[in-house]
C-alpha atoms as a PDB file:
ATOM      1  CA  MET A   1       2.193 257.536 -55.711  1.00  0.00           C
ATOM      2  CA  ARG A   2      -1.571 255.563 -55.105  1.00  0.00           C
ATOM      3  CA  ARG A   3      -4.543 256.857 -55.116  1.00  0.00           C
ATOM      4  CA  VAL A   4      -6.141 255.522 -51.420  1.00  0.00           C
ATOM      5  CA  ALA A   5      -9.833 255.832 -51.072  1.00  0.00           C
ATOM      6  CA  ALA A   6     -11.589 255.000 -47.767  1.00  0.00           C
ATOM      7  CA  LEU A   7     -14.796 253.759 -48.092  1.00  0.00           C
ATOM      8  CA  LEU A   8     -16.799 254.014 -44.480  1.00  0.00           C
ATOM      9  CA  ILE A   9     -19.917 251.285 -43.937  1.00  0.00           C
ATOM     10  CA  ALA A  10     -22.511 254.617 -42.996  1.00  0.00           C
ATOM     11  CA  ALA A  11     -25.463 251.837 -41.567  1.00  0.00           C
ATOM     12  CA  ALA A  12     -22.755 249.571 -39.569  1.00  0.00           C
ATOM     13  CA  LEU A  13     -22.345 253.087 -36.956  1.00  0.00           C
ATOM     14  CA  VAL A  14     -25.896 253.136 -36.998  1.00  0.00           C
ATOM     15  CA  VAL A  15     -25.841 249.463 -36.272  1.00  0.00           C
ATOM     16  CA  PRO A  16     -22.775 248.066 -35.386  1.00  0.00           C
ATOM     17  CA  ALA A  17     -24.509 245.594 -34.751  1.00  0.00           C
ATOM     18  CA  SER A  18     -24.695 244.752 -38.360  1.00  0.00           C
ATOM     19  CA  PRO A  19     -21.456 242.608 -40.301  1.00  0.00           C
ATOM     20  CA  ALA A  20     -20.435 244.118 -42.777  1.00  0.00           C
ATOM     21  CA  ALA A  21     -17.946 243.066 -46.177  1.00  0.00           C
ATOM     22  CA  ALA A  22     -14.326 243.807 -45.886  1.00  0.00           C
ATOM     23  CA  ALA A  23     -12.333 243.999 -49.309  1.00  0.00           C
ATOM     24  CA  PRO A  24     -11.109 240.644 -49.581  1.00  0.00           C
ATOM     25  CA  ALA A  25     -14.656 238.755 -50.252  1.00  0.00           C
ATOM     26  CA  SER A  26     -15.271 236.158 -47.878  1.00  0.00           C
ATOM     27  CA  LEU A  27     -14.244 238.368 -45.108  1.00  0.00           C
ATOM     28  CA  THR A  28     -16.973 240.479 -42.842  1.00  0.00           C
ATOM     29  CA  TRP A  29     -17.185 241.707 -39.449  1.00  0.00           C
ATOM     30  CA  THR A  30     -18.891 243.593 -36.417  1.00  0.00           C
ATOM     31  CA  VAL A  31     -17.355 246.363 -33.799  1.00  0.00           C
ATOM     32  CA  GLN A  32     -19.723 247.288 -30.144  1.00  0.00           C
ATOM     33  CA  PRO A  33     -19.657 248.691 -27.873  1.00  0.00           C
ATOM     34  CA  ALA A  34     -18.834 246.107 -25.123  1.00  0.00           C
ATOM     35  CA  THR A  35     -16.818 245.553 -21.071  1.00  0.00           C
ATOM     36  CA  ALA A  36     -14.494 243.706 -20.741  1.00  0.00           C
ATOM     37  CA  ALA A  37     -16.691 240.709 -20.320  1.00  0.00           C
ATOM     38  CA  GLY A  38     -17.676 241.218 -24.080  1.00  0.00           C
ATOM     39  CA  PRO A  39     -20.479 242.625 -26.061  1.00  0.00           C
ATOM     40  CA  ASP A  40     -23.172 245.151 -23.497  1.00  0.00           C
ATOM     41  CA  GLY A  41     -25.886 245.287 -26.643  1.00  0.00           C
ATOM     42  CA  ARG A  42     -25.207 249.046 -26.932  1.00  0.00           C
ATOM     43  CA  ARG A  43     -25.454 250.275 -30.195  1.00  0.00           C
ATOM     44  CA  TRP A  44     -23.133 253.103 -29.617  1.00  0.00           C
ATOM     45  CA  VAL A  45     -20.930 254.784 -26.222  1.00  0.00           C
ATOM     46  CA  GLU A  46     -22.379 257.658 -24.294  1.00  0.00           C
ATOM     47  CA  ARG A  47     -20.970 259.432 -22.335  1.00  0.00           C
ATOM     48  CA  THR A  48     -20.609 262.872 -20.412  1.00  0.00           C
ATOM     49  CA  LEU A  49     -17.863 263.737 -18.595  1.00  0.00           C
ATOM     50  CA  ASP A  50     -15.918 266.553 -16.771  1.00  0.00           C
ATOM     51  CA  PRO A  51     -13.014 268.323 -18.155  1.00  0.00           C
ATOM     52  CA  GLY A  52      -9.083 266.582 -17.193  1.00  0.00           C
ATOM     53  CA  GLN A  53     -12.053 263.290 -16.435  1.00  0.00           C
ATOM     54  CA  VAL A  54      -9.765 260.009 -17.943  1.00  0.00           C
ATOM     55  CA  VAL A  55     -12.882 256.575 -18.603  1.00  0.00           C
ATOM     56  CA  THR A  56     -11.721 253.320 -20.473  1.00  0.00           C
ATOM     57  CA  GLU A  57     -14.332 252.713 -22.508  1.00  0.00           C
ATOM     58  CA  HIS A  58     -14.320 248.551 -24.417  1.00  0.00           C
ATOM     59  CA  LEU A  59     -15.210 247.033 -27.752  1.00  0.00           C
ATOM     60  CA  ALA A  60     -15.509 243.922 -29.073  1.00  0.00           C
ATOM     61  CA  VAL A  61     -14.581 243.447 -32.722  1.00  0.00           C
ATOM     62  CA  ARG A  62     -15.920 239.769 -33.966  1.00  0.00           C
ATOM     63  CA  ASN A  63     -15.310 237.969 -36.783  1.00  0.00           C
ATOM     64  CA  PHE A  64     -17.419 235.884 -38.949  1.00  0.00           C
ATOM     65  CA  SER A  65     -15.014 235.008 -41.035  1.00  0.00           C
ATOM     66  CA  ASP A  66     -13.179 231.062 -41.814  1.00  0.00           C
ATOM     67  CA  ALA A  67      -9.537 232.822 -41.374  1.00  0.00           C
ATOM     68  CA  SER A  68      -7.423 234.400 -38.753  1.00  0.00           C
ATOM     69  CA  ALA A  69      -7.999 238.207 -39.909  1.00  0.00           C
ATOM     70  CA  ALA A  70      -5.971 241.679 -38.195  1.00  0.00           C
ATOM     71  CA  PHE A  71      -8.064 245.194 -37.969  1.00  0.00           C
ATOM     72  CA  ARG A  72      -6.397 248.072 -37.789  1.00  0.00           C
ATOM     73  CA  LEU A  73      -8.219 250.922 -34.475  1.00  0.00           C
ATOM     74  CA  THR A  74      -9.085 253.855 -35.229  1.00  0.00           C
ATOM     75  CA  ALA A  75     -10.944 256.985 -34.298  1.00  0.00           C
ATOM     76  CA  ALA A  76     -12.797 260.189 -35.898  1.00  0.00           C
ATOM     77  CA  ASP A  77     -13.807 262.868 -35.031  1.00  0.00           C
ATOM     78  CA  GLY A  78     -17.635 262.868 -35.944  1.00  0.00           C
ATOM     79  CA  TYR A  79     -20.345 264.191 -37.736  1.00  0.00           C
ATOM     80  CA  LEU A  80     -23.411 264.083 -40.219  1.00  0.00           C
ATOM     81  CA  THR A  81     -23.431 263.147 -43.610  1.00  0.00           C
ATOM     82  CA  GLY A  82     -25.845 265.816 -46.267  1.00  0.00           C
ATOM     83  CA  LYS A  83     -28.901 262.797 -45.488  1.00  0.00           C
ATOM     84  CA  GLY A  84     -28.182 263.146 -41.751  1.00  0.00           C
ATOM     85  CA  ARG A  85     -25.811 260.233 -41.175  1.00  0.00           C
ATOM     86  CA  PHE A  86     -24.019 259.615 -38.949  1.00  0.00           C
ATOM     87  CA  ASN A  87     -20.079 258.943 -39.568  1.00  0.00           C
ATOM     88  CA  MET A  88     -16.791 259.545 -38.699  1.00  0.00           C
ATOM     89  CA  LEU A  89     -13.673 261.666 -40.515  1.00  0.00           C
ATOM     90  CA  PRO A  90     -11.814 259.233 -43.421  1.00  0.00           C
ATOM     91  CA  SER A  91      -8.775 258.179 -42.773  1.00  0.00           C
ATOM     92  CA  ASP A  92      -6.618 261.532 -44.487  1.00  0.00           C
ATOM     93  CA  ARG A  93      -8.073 263.786 -42.547  1.00  0.00           C
ATOM     94  CA  GLU A  94      -7.433 264.854 -38.716  1.00  0.00           C
ATOM     95  CA  SER A  95      -9.313 264.984 -36.920  1.00  0.00           C
ATOM     96  CA  VAL A  96      -9.190 267.908 -33.963  1.00  0.00           C
ATOM     97  CA  ASP A  97     -12.051 267.466 -32.027  1.00  0.00           C
ATOM     98  CA  GLY A  98     -13.546 264.118 -29.887  1.00  0.00           C
ATOM     99  CA  GLY A  99     -11.692 262.050 -31.897  1.00  0.00           C
ATOM    100  CA  THR A 100      -8.663 262.974 -30.492  1.00  0.00           C
ATOM    101  CA  TRP A 101      -9.857 262.191 -27.103  1.00  0.00           C
ATOM    102  CA  ILE A 102      -9.719 258.390 -27.815  1.00  0.00           C
ATOM    103  CA  THR A 103      -6.983 256.312 -27.513  1.00  0.00           C
ATOM    104  CA  VAL A 104      -7.029 252.912 -28.773  1.00  0.00           C
ATOM    105  CA  GLN A 105      -4.356 249.992 -29.612  1.00  0.00           C
ATOM    106  CA  ASP A 106      -3.719 250.473 -33.174  1.00  0.00           C
ATOM    107  CA  SER A 107      -4.669 247.215 -34.818  1.00  0.00           C
ATOM    108  CA  VAL A 108      -5.842 243.286 -33.279  1.00  0.00           C
ATOM    109  CA  THR A 109      -5.944 240.440 -34.848  1.00  0.00           C
ATOM    110  CA  VAL A 110      -8.816 238.240 -34.352  1.00  0.00           C
ATOM    111  CA  GLY A 111      -9.020 234.641 -35.023  1.00  0.00           C
ATOM    112  CA  ALA A 112     -12.431 232.805 -37.407  1.00  0.00           C
ATOM    113  CA  GLY A 113     -14.947 233.280 -35.794  1.00  0.00           C
ATOM    114  CA  LYS A 114     -13.774 234.972 -33.138  1.00  0.00           C
ATOM    115  CA  THR A 115     -13.871 238.133 -29.935  1.00  0.00           C
ATOM    116  CA  ALA A 116     -11.837 239.679 -29.491  1.00  0.00           C
ATOM    117  CA  VAL A 117     -12.658 242.253 -26.737  1.00  0.00           C
ATOM    118  CA  VAL A 118      -9.794 245.512 -26.809  1.00  0.00           C
ATOM    119  CA  PRO A 119     -10.368 248.296 -24.142  1.00  0.00           C
ATOM    120  CA  PHE A 120      -9.771 252.392 -25.282  1.00  0.00           C
ATOM    121  CA  THR A 121      -9.502 255.284 -23.225  1.00  0.00           C
ATOM    122  CA  ILE A 122     -11.155 258.445 -23.445  1.00  0.00           C
ATOM    123  CA  THR A 123      -9.133 261.398 -21.916  1.00  0.00           C
ATOM    124  CA  VAL A 124     -10.978 264.864 -21.944  1.00  0.00           C
ATOM    125  CA  PRO A 125      -8.875 267.732 -21.666  1.00  0.00           C
ATOM    126  CA  ALA A 126      -8.930 269.863 -19.134  1.00  0.00           C
ATOM    127  CA  ASP A 127      -9.624 272.713 -20.937  1.00  0.00           C
ATOM    128  CA  ALA A 128     -12.594 271.100 -23.358  1.00  0.00           C
ATOM    129  CA  THR A 129     -15.608 273.625 -24.034  1.00  0.00           C
ATOM    130  CA  PRO A 130     -19.205 272.901 -22.749  1.00  0.00           C
ATOM    131  CA  GLY A 131     -20.971 270.675 -25.075  1.00  0.00           C
ATOM    132  CA  ASP A 132     -20.941 267.767 -27.233  1.00  0.00           C
ATOM    133  CA  HIS A 133     -18.016 266.607 -29.074  1.00  0.00           C
ATOM    134  CA  PRO A 134     -18.716 263.199 -31.272  1.00  0.00           C
ATOM    135  CA  ALA A 135     -16.980 261.171 -32.553  1.00  0.00           C
ATOM    136  CA  GLY A 136     -16.471 257.515 -34.131  1.00  0.00           C
ATOM    137  CA  ILE A 137     -14.394 254.279 -33.231  1.00  0.00           C
ATOM    138  CA  ALA A 138     -13.446 251.878 -36.128  1.00  0.00           C
ATOM    139  CA  ALA A 139     -12.046 248.038 -37.398  1.00  0.00           C
ATOM    140  CA  SER A 140     -10.218 247.919 -40.695  1.00  0.00           C
ATOM    141  CA  VAL A 141      -9.002 245.929 -43.124  1.00  0.00           C
ATOM    142  CA  ALA A 142      -6.403 247.574 -46.337  1.00  0.00           C
ATOM    143  CA  GLY A 143      -7.683 245.829 -49.517  1.00  0.00           C
ATOM    144  CA  GLN A 144      -6.546 245.998 -53.599  1.00  0.00           C
ATOM    145  CA  LYS A 145      -9.575 246.605 -56.294  1.00  0.00           C
ATOM    146  CA  GLY A 146      -7.059 247.047 -58.711  1.00  0.00           C
ATOM    147  CA  SER A 147      -4.713 249.473 -59.029  1.00  0.00           C
ATOM    148  CA  VAL A 148      -6.194 251.009 -56.207  1.00  0.00           C
ATOM    149  CA  GLN A 149      -5.944 250.831 -52.098  1.00  0.00           C
ATOM    150  CA  VAL A 150      -8.721 250.428 -50.204  1.00  0.00           C
ATOM    151  CA  GLU A 151      -9.552 250.674 -46.646  1.00  0.00           C
ATOM    152  CA  SER A 152     -13.285 248.753 -45.697  1.00  0.00           C
ATOM    153  CA  ARG A 153     -14.049 249.830 -42.349  1.00  0.00           C
ATOM    154  CA  VAL A 154     -16.474 249.241 -39.605  1.00  0.00           C
ATOM    155  CA  GLY A 155     -17.733 251.599 -36.324  1.00  0.00           C
ATOM    156  CA  PHE A 156     -20.361 252.475 -34.100  1.00  0.00           C
ATOM    157  CA  ARG A 157     -20.315 256.909 -32.830  1.00  0.00           C
ATOM    158  CA  VAL A 158     -19.241 257.460 -29.242  1.00  0.00           C
ATOM    159  CA  LEU A 159     -21.341 260.705 -28.226  1.00  0.00           C
ATOM    160  CA  LEU A 160     -19.070 262.578 -25.972  1.00  0.00           C
ATOM    161  CA  ARG A 161     -19.988 265.356 -24.164  1.00  0.00           C
ATOM    162  CA  ALA A 162     -18.195 267.828 -21.542  1.00  0.00           C
ATOM    163  CA  SER A 163     -20.230 268.783 -18.971  1.00  0.00           C
ATOM    164  CA  GLY A 164     -20.695 272.329 -17.705  1.00  0.00           C
ATOM    165  CA  ASP A 165     -23.392 275.536 -19.729  1.00  0.00           C
ATOM    166  CA  LEU A 166     -25.529 274.001 -22.118  1.00  0.00           C
ATOM    167  CA  ALA A 167     -26.582 275.897 -24.278  1.00  0.00           C
ATOM    168  CA  PRO A 168     -29.080 274.773 -26.605  1.00  0.00           C
ATOM    169  CA  ALA A 169     -29.717 277.273 -29.813  1.00  0.00           C
ATOM    170  CA  MET A 170     -30.309 277.280 -33.660  1.00  0.00           C
ATOM    171  CA  ALA A 171     -30.893 280.172 -35.922  1.00  0.00           C
ATOM    172  CA  ALA A 172     -31.917 279.853 -39.851  1.00  0.00           C
ATOM    173  CA  ASP A 173     -30.122 281.555 -42.921  1.00  0.00           C
ATOM    174  CA  ASP A 174     -30.404 281.866 -46.518  1.00  0.00           C
ATOM    175  CA  ILE A 175     -34.665 281.756 -46.932  1.00  0.00           C
ATOM    176  CA  THR A 176     -35.746 281.647 -50.432  1.00  0.00           C
ATOM    177  CA  THR A 177     -38.841 281.616 -51.909  1.00  0.00           C
ATOM    178  CA  THR A 178     -39.455 279.615 -55.429  1.00  0.00           C
ATOM    179  CA  TYR A 179     -43.541 280.350 -56.607  1.00  0.00           C
ATOM    180  CA  GLN A 180     -44.111 278.355 -59.214  1.00  0.00           C
ATOM    181  CA  ARG A 181     -48.212 279.387 -60.572  1.00  0.00           C
ATOM    182  CA  SER A 182     -51.388 277.398 -62.099  1.00  0.00           C
ATOM    183  CA  TRP A 183     -51.559 279.845 -65.325  1.00  0.00           C
ATOM    184  CA  ASN A 184     -55.885 278.871 -64.312  1.00  0.00           C
ATOM    185  CA  PRO A 185     -56.563 282.125 -62.181  1.00  0.00           C
ATOM    186  CA  LEU A 186     -58.867 280.330 -60.405  1.00  0.00           C
ATOM    187  CA  ARG A 187     -56.276 277.302 -59.290  1.00  0.00           C
ATOM    188  CA  PRO A 188     -53.762 277.906 -56.952  1.00  0.00           C
ATOM    189  CA  GLY A 189     -49.857 277.499 -56.813  1.00  0.00           C
ATOM    190  CA  THR A 190     -46.844 275.988 -55.393  1.00  0.00           C
ATOM    191  CA  LEU A 191     -44.406 277.711 -53.145  1.00  0.00           C
ATOM    192  CA  THR A 192     -40.834 275.768 -52.742  1.00  0.00           C
ATOM    193  CA  VAL A 193     -39.401 277.937 -49.188  1.00  0.00           C
ATOM    194  CA  ASP A 194     -35.504 276.783 -49.755  1.00  0.00           C
ATOM    195  CA  TRP A 195     -33.704 277.515 -45.627  1.00  0.00           C
ATOM    196  CA  THR A 196     -30.683 276.331 -43.216  1.00  0.00           C
ATOM    197  CA  ALA A 197     -31.004 275.462 -40.546  1.00  0.00           C
ATOM    198  CA  VAL A 198     -28.136 276.844 -38.457  1.00  0.00           C
ATOM    199  CA  ASN A 199     -26.938 274.715 -34.795  1.00  0.00           C
ATOM    200  CA  THR A 200     -25.607 277.317 -32.638  1.00  0.00           C
ATOM    201  CA  GLY A 201     -25.574 276.210 -30.075  1.00  0.00           C
ATOM    202  CA  ASN A 202     -22.894 273.196 -28.189  1.00  0.00           C
ATOM    203  CA  VAL A 203     -24.732 270.268 -27.479  1.00  0.00           C
ATOM    204  CA  ARG A 204     -26.598 267.916 -30.730  1.00  0.00           C
ATOM    205  CA  LEU A 205     -30.294 268.635 -31.834  1.00  0.00           C
ATOM    206  CA  ASP A 206     -33.474 267.032 -33.036  1.00  0.00           C
ATOM    207  CA  LEU A 207     -34.434 269.122 -36.322  1.00  0.00           C
ATOM    208  CA  THR A 208     -37.667 269.667 -37.553  1.00  0.00           C
ATOM    209  CA  GLY A 209     -38.472 272.648 -40.074  1.00  0.00           C
ATOM    210  CA  GLU A 210     -41.824 273.367 -40.651  1.00  0.00           C
ATOM    211  CA  ALA A 211     -42.439 277.379 -42.954  1.00  0.00           C
ATOM    212  CA  THR A 212     -46.360 278.925 -43.184  1.00  0.00           C
ATOM    213  CA  THR A 213     -47.345 281.484 -45.445  1.00  0.00           C
ATOM    214  CA  SER A 214     -49.815 284.103 -44.804  1.00  0.00           C
ATOM    215  CA  GLU A 215     -51.497 286.564 -48.046  1.00  0.00           C
ATOM    216  CA  VAL A 216     -54.119 287.988 -48.763  1.00  0.00           C
ATOM    217  CA  PHE A 217     -57.876 287.587 -47.132  1.00  0.00           C
ATOM    218  CA  ALA A 218     -56.000 286.087 -43.976  1.00  0.00           C
ATOM    219  CA  LEU A 219     -55.274 282.455 -46.060  1.00  0.00           C
ATOM    220  CA  ARG A 220     -52.399 281.132 -44.555  1.00  0.00           C
ATOM    221  CA  SER A 221     -51.179 277.183 -45.134  1.00  0.00           C
ATOM    222  CA  ALA A 222     -48.087 275.516 -44.277  1.00  0.00           C
ATOM    223  CA  SER A 223     -46.000 272.930 -44.456  1.00  0.00           C
ATOM    224  CA  ALA A 224     -43.544 270.560 -42.013  1.00  0.00           C
ATOM    225  CA  VAL A 225     -40.679 268.629 -42.877  1.00  0.00           C
ATOM    226  CA  ALA A 226     -37.969 266.079 -40.522  1.00  0.00           C
ATOM    227  CA  ALA A 227     -34.653 266.753 -40.735  1.00  0.00           C
ATOM    228  CA  GLY A 228     -33.299 264.324 -38.105  1.00  0.00           C
ATOM    229  CA  GLU A 229     -30.643 265.026 -36.163  1.00  0.00           C
ATOM    230  CA  ILE A 230     -27.500 267.608 -35.992  1.00  0.00           C
ATOM    231  CA  LEU A 231     -25.049 268.882 -34.426  1.00  0.00           C
ATOM    232  CA  PRO A 232     -23.599 271.374 -33.102  1.00  0.00           C
ATOM    233  CA  GLY A 233     -21.631 274.256 -35.861  1.00  0.00           C
ATOM    234  CA  ASP A 234     -24.065 271.776 -38.769  1.00  0.00           C
ATOM    235  CA  ARG A 235     -25.649 273.653 -41.306  1.00  0.00           C
ATOM    236  CA  ARG A 236     -28.373 271.493 -42.926  1.00  0.00           C
ATOM    237  CA  PRO A 237     -30.485 272.675 -45.951  1.00  0.00           C
ATOM    238  CA  LEU A 238     -34.108 272.591 -45.632  1.00  0.00           C
ATOM    239  CA  ARG A 239     -36.865 272.428 -48.297  1.00  0.00           C
ATOM    240  CA  ALA A 240     -40.846 272.518 -47.846  1.00  0.00           C
ATOM    241  CA  ARG A 241     -43.459 272.639 -50.337  1.00  0.00           C
ATOM    242  CA  ILE A 242     -46.907 274.644 -49.269  1.00  0.00           C
ATOM    243  CA  ASP A 243     -49.819 274.034 -51.835  1.00  0.00           C
ATOM    244  CA  GLY A 244     -52.855 276.055 -52.197  1.00  0.00           C
ATOM    245  CA  VAL A 245     -50.675 279.701 -52.165  1.00  0.00           C
ATOM    246  CA  TRP A 246     -52.507 282.127 -54.652  1.00  0.00           C
ATOM    247  CA  GLY A 247     -49.944 284.515 -54.765  1.00  0.00           C
ATOM    248  CA  LEU A 248     -51.906 287.764 -54.512  1.00  0.00           C
ATOM    249  CA  GLY A 249     -50.286 290.332 -54.233  1.00  0.00           C
ATOM    250  CA  PRO A 250     -47.415 290.098 -50.928  1.00  0.00           C
ATOM    251  CA  VAL A 251     -46.842 287.064 -48.427  1.00  0.00           C
ATOM    252  CA  ARG A 252     -45.840 286.018 -45.634  1.00  0.00           C
ATOM    253  CA  THR A 253     -43.566 283.340 -45.495  1.00  0.00           C
ATOM    254  CA  THR A 254     -41.820 281.956 -41.908  1.00  0.00           C
ATOM    255  CA  VAL A 255     -40.071 279.144 -41.373  1.00  0.00           C
ATOM    256  CA  ALA A 256     -39.029 277.847 -37.498  1.00  0.00           C
ATOM    257  CA  LEU A 257     -37.224 275.510 -35.956  1.00  0.00           C
ATOM    258  CA  GLY A 258     -37.156 273.525 -33.279  1.00  0.00           C
ATOM    259  CA  PRO A 259     -37.959 271.567 -30.736  1.00  0.00           C
ATOM    260  CA  ALA A 260     -35.593 271.801 -28.327  1.00  0.00           C
ATOM    261  CA  ALA A 261     -34.352 275.684 -29.252  1.00  0.00           C
ATOM    262  CA  PRO A 262     -37.289 276.767 -30.588  1.00  0.00           C
ATOM    263  CA  THR A 263     -37.253 280.080 -32.976  1.00  0.00           C
ATOM    264  CA  SER A 264     -38.348 281.547 -36.447  1.00  0.00           C
ATOM    265  CA  VAL A 265     -37.479 283.770 -39.376  1.00  0.00           C
ATOM    266  CA  THR A 266     -40.549 285.549 -41.800  1.00  0.00           C
ATOM    267  CA  VAL A 267     -40.206 287.069 -44.815  1.00  0.00           C
ATOM    268  CA  THR A 268     -42.524 288.834 -46.672  1.00  0.00           C
ATOM    269  CA  THR A 269     -42.751 288.246 -51.097  1.00  0.00           C
ATOM    270  CA  TRP A 270     -44.702 290.243 -53.814  1.00  0.00           C
ATOM    271  CA  LEU A 271     -45.968 287.940 -56.042  1.00  0.00           C
ATOM    272  CA  VAL A 272     -47.634 290.002 -59.132  1.00  0.00           C
ATOM    273  CA  PRO A 273     -51.008 287.521 -59.799  1.00  0.00           C
ATOM    274  CA  TRP A 274     -50.992 287.325 -63.193  1.00  0.00           C
ATOM    275  CA  PRO A 275     -53.192 285.227 -64.329  1.00  0.00           C
ATOM    276  CA  GLN A 276     -55.435 286.756 -61.898  1.00  0.00           C
ATOM    277  CA  LEU A 277     -55.026 289.791 -64.273  1.00  0.00           C
ATOM    278  CA  LEU A 278     -55.215 288.086 -67.210  1.00  0.00           C
ATOM    279  CA  LEU A 279     -58.241 288.047 -66.436  1.00  0.00           C
ATOM    280  CA  VAL A 280     -59.556 291.130 -65.245  1.00  0.00           C
ATOM    281  CA  ALA A 281     -57.876 292.241 -68.505  1.00  0.00           C
ATOM    282  CA  ALA A 282     -59.114 289.920 -70.533  1.00  0.00           C
ATOM    283  CA  VAL A 283     -63.203 290.710 -68.602  1.00  0.00           C
ATOM    284  CA  ALA A 284     -62.555 294.801 -68.237  1.00  0.00           C
ATOM    285  CA  LEU A 285     -61.715 294.125 -72.252  1.00  0.00           C
ATOM    286  CA  VAL A 286     -64.996 292.060 -72.222  1.00  0.00           C
ATOM    287  CA  LEU A 287     -67.305 294.419 -70.840  1.00  0.00           C
ATOM    288  CA  ALA A 288     -65.393 297.113 -73.108  1.00  0.00           C
ATOM    289  CA  GLY A 289     -66.150 295.924 -76.457  1.00  0.00           C
ATOM    290  CA  LEU A 290     -70.258 295.259 -75.862  1.00  0.00           C
ATOM    291  CA  ARG A 291     -70.396 298.454 -73.978  1.00  0.00           C
ATOM    292  CA  GLY A 292     -69.094 299.686 -77.160  1.00  0.00           C
ATOM    293  CA  HIS A 293     -70.809 296.985 -79.350  1.00  0.00           C
ATOM    294  CA  ALA A 294     -74.590 298.836 -77.439  1.00  0.00           C
ATOM    295  CA  ARG A 295     -73.708 302.549 -77.854  1.00  0.00           C
ATOM    296  CA  LEU A 296     -73.298 301.765 -81.489  1.00  0.00           C
ATOM    297  CA  ARG A 297     -76.479 300.073 -81.673  1.00  0.00           C
ATOM    298  CA  ARG A 298     -78.036 302.840 -79.729  1.00  0.00           C
ATOM    299  CA  ARG A 299     -77.184 305.171 -82.128  1.00  0.00           C
ATOM    300  CA  ARG A 300     -78.153 303.230 -85.687  1.00  0.00           C
ATOM    301  CA  LEU A 301     -80.591 303.554 -83.730  1.00  0.00           C
ATOM    302  CA  GLU A 302     -81.287 306.942 -82.798  1.00  0.00           C
ATOM    303  CA  SER A 303     -80.249 307.497 -86.453  1.00  0.00           C
ATOM    304  CA  LEU A 304     -82.951 305.304 -88.224  1.00  0.00           C
ATOM    305  CA  LEU A 305     -85.489 306.979 -85.982  1.00  0.00           C
ATOM    306  CA  GLU A 306     -83.872 310.459 -87.260  1.00  0.00           C
ATOM    307  CA  GLN A 307     -85.042 309.260 -91.640  1.00  0.00           C
ATOM    308  CA  ALA A 308     -87.980 307.896 -90.366  1.00  0.00           C
ATOM    309  CA  ARG A 309     -88.605 310.993 -88.741  1.00  0.00           C
ATOM    310  CA  LEU A 310     -87.986 313.184 -91.498  1.00  0.00           C
ATOM    311  CA  GLU A 311     -89.381 310.550 -94.033  1.00  0.00           C
ATOM    312  CA  GLY A 312     -91.852 311.013 -92.077  1.00  0.00           C
ATOM    313  CA  ALA A 313     -91.672 314.639 -92.767  1.00  0.00           C
ATOM    314  CA  ARG A 314     -91.201 315.318 -95.974  1.00  0.00           C
ATOM    315  CA  SER A 315     -94.777 312.792 -96.804  1.00  0.00           C
ATOM    316  CA  ALA A 316     -96.047 315.275 -94.745  1.00  0.00           C
END
């Protein structure tokens, strides 16, 4: 059996107006939202619909090549990659959410240098849960790369929201801290904070994170990280590096998520200040050595004085 690889061009899903190279090297095309008259300038389709509602939208496939080409049209659930870029499920994975709401014809043939406008239907299930149900729609061609059949596709987002009670919410899980100390006792170290942001609500959110530390003597420092968009149910690993942390015992670390659904969690980490303890031990040893040397000198002096008195007595 030949392995089927789906090469999904994520940049085209974000900016559908950019033409993309297909499996044949000479074939390039783009797909974008449209009206019945042609492309309308939208980068993606975004609709808020009621359960049971049916609407018709359009897409435009533009063939930049010198030959006519047949494109397969598909819709699938949308998701975000680990780097936060929007994508849609490959053709070998079954959609279970917003991608199943979209109905589009199987294929379209577009002449050289021509644009074809194709309608597609969005049907919201009567029992659709309120909130966001992201999807994507794409035009693809199949090609051959050695013994492997390759599918290249270009598409755009279809951001679907079912009306109802919207509940934006986020949570911070799996908080861990790693301390990289400086062995110079007069310099602070760096605290690396890792945690997972979870969209526990039913709408997509813009995600920002911040980690703040406080320690002995009320020293405070913070580090912010921007993570982009997060979809309902998504988990996004975040990391912040905080410089200037001395680690002199208990360190309180607070991670905060926002801005749309602010939440925060605080953990306490006990850090042993080894460089400072070694410095204190070294100073203590030096002081103990100096005191011992002083006592020894004092005893020698007392011994010399005693000998002098005895010599004086014998002479008298």
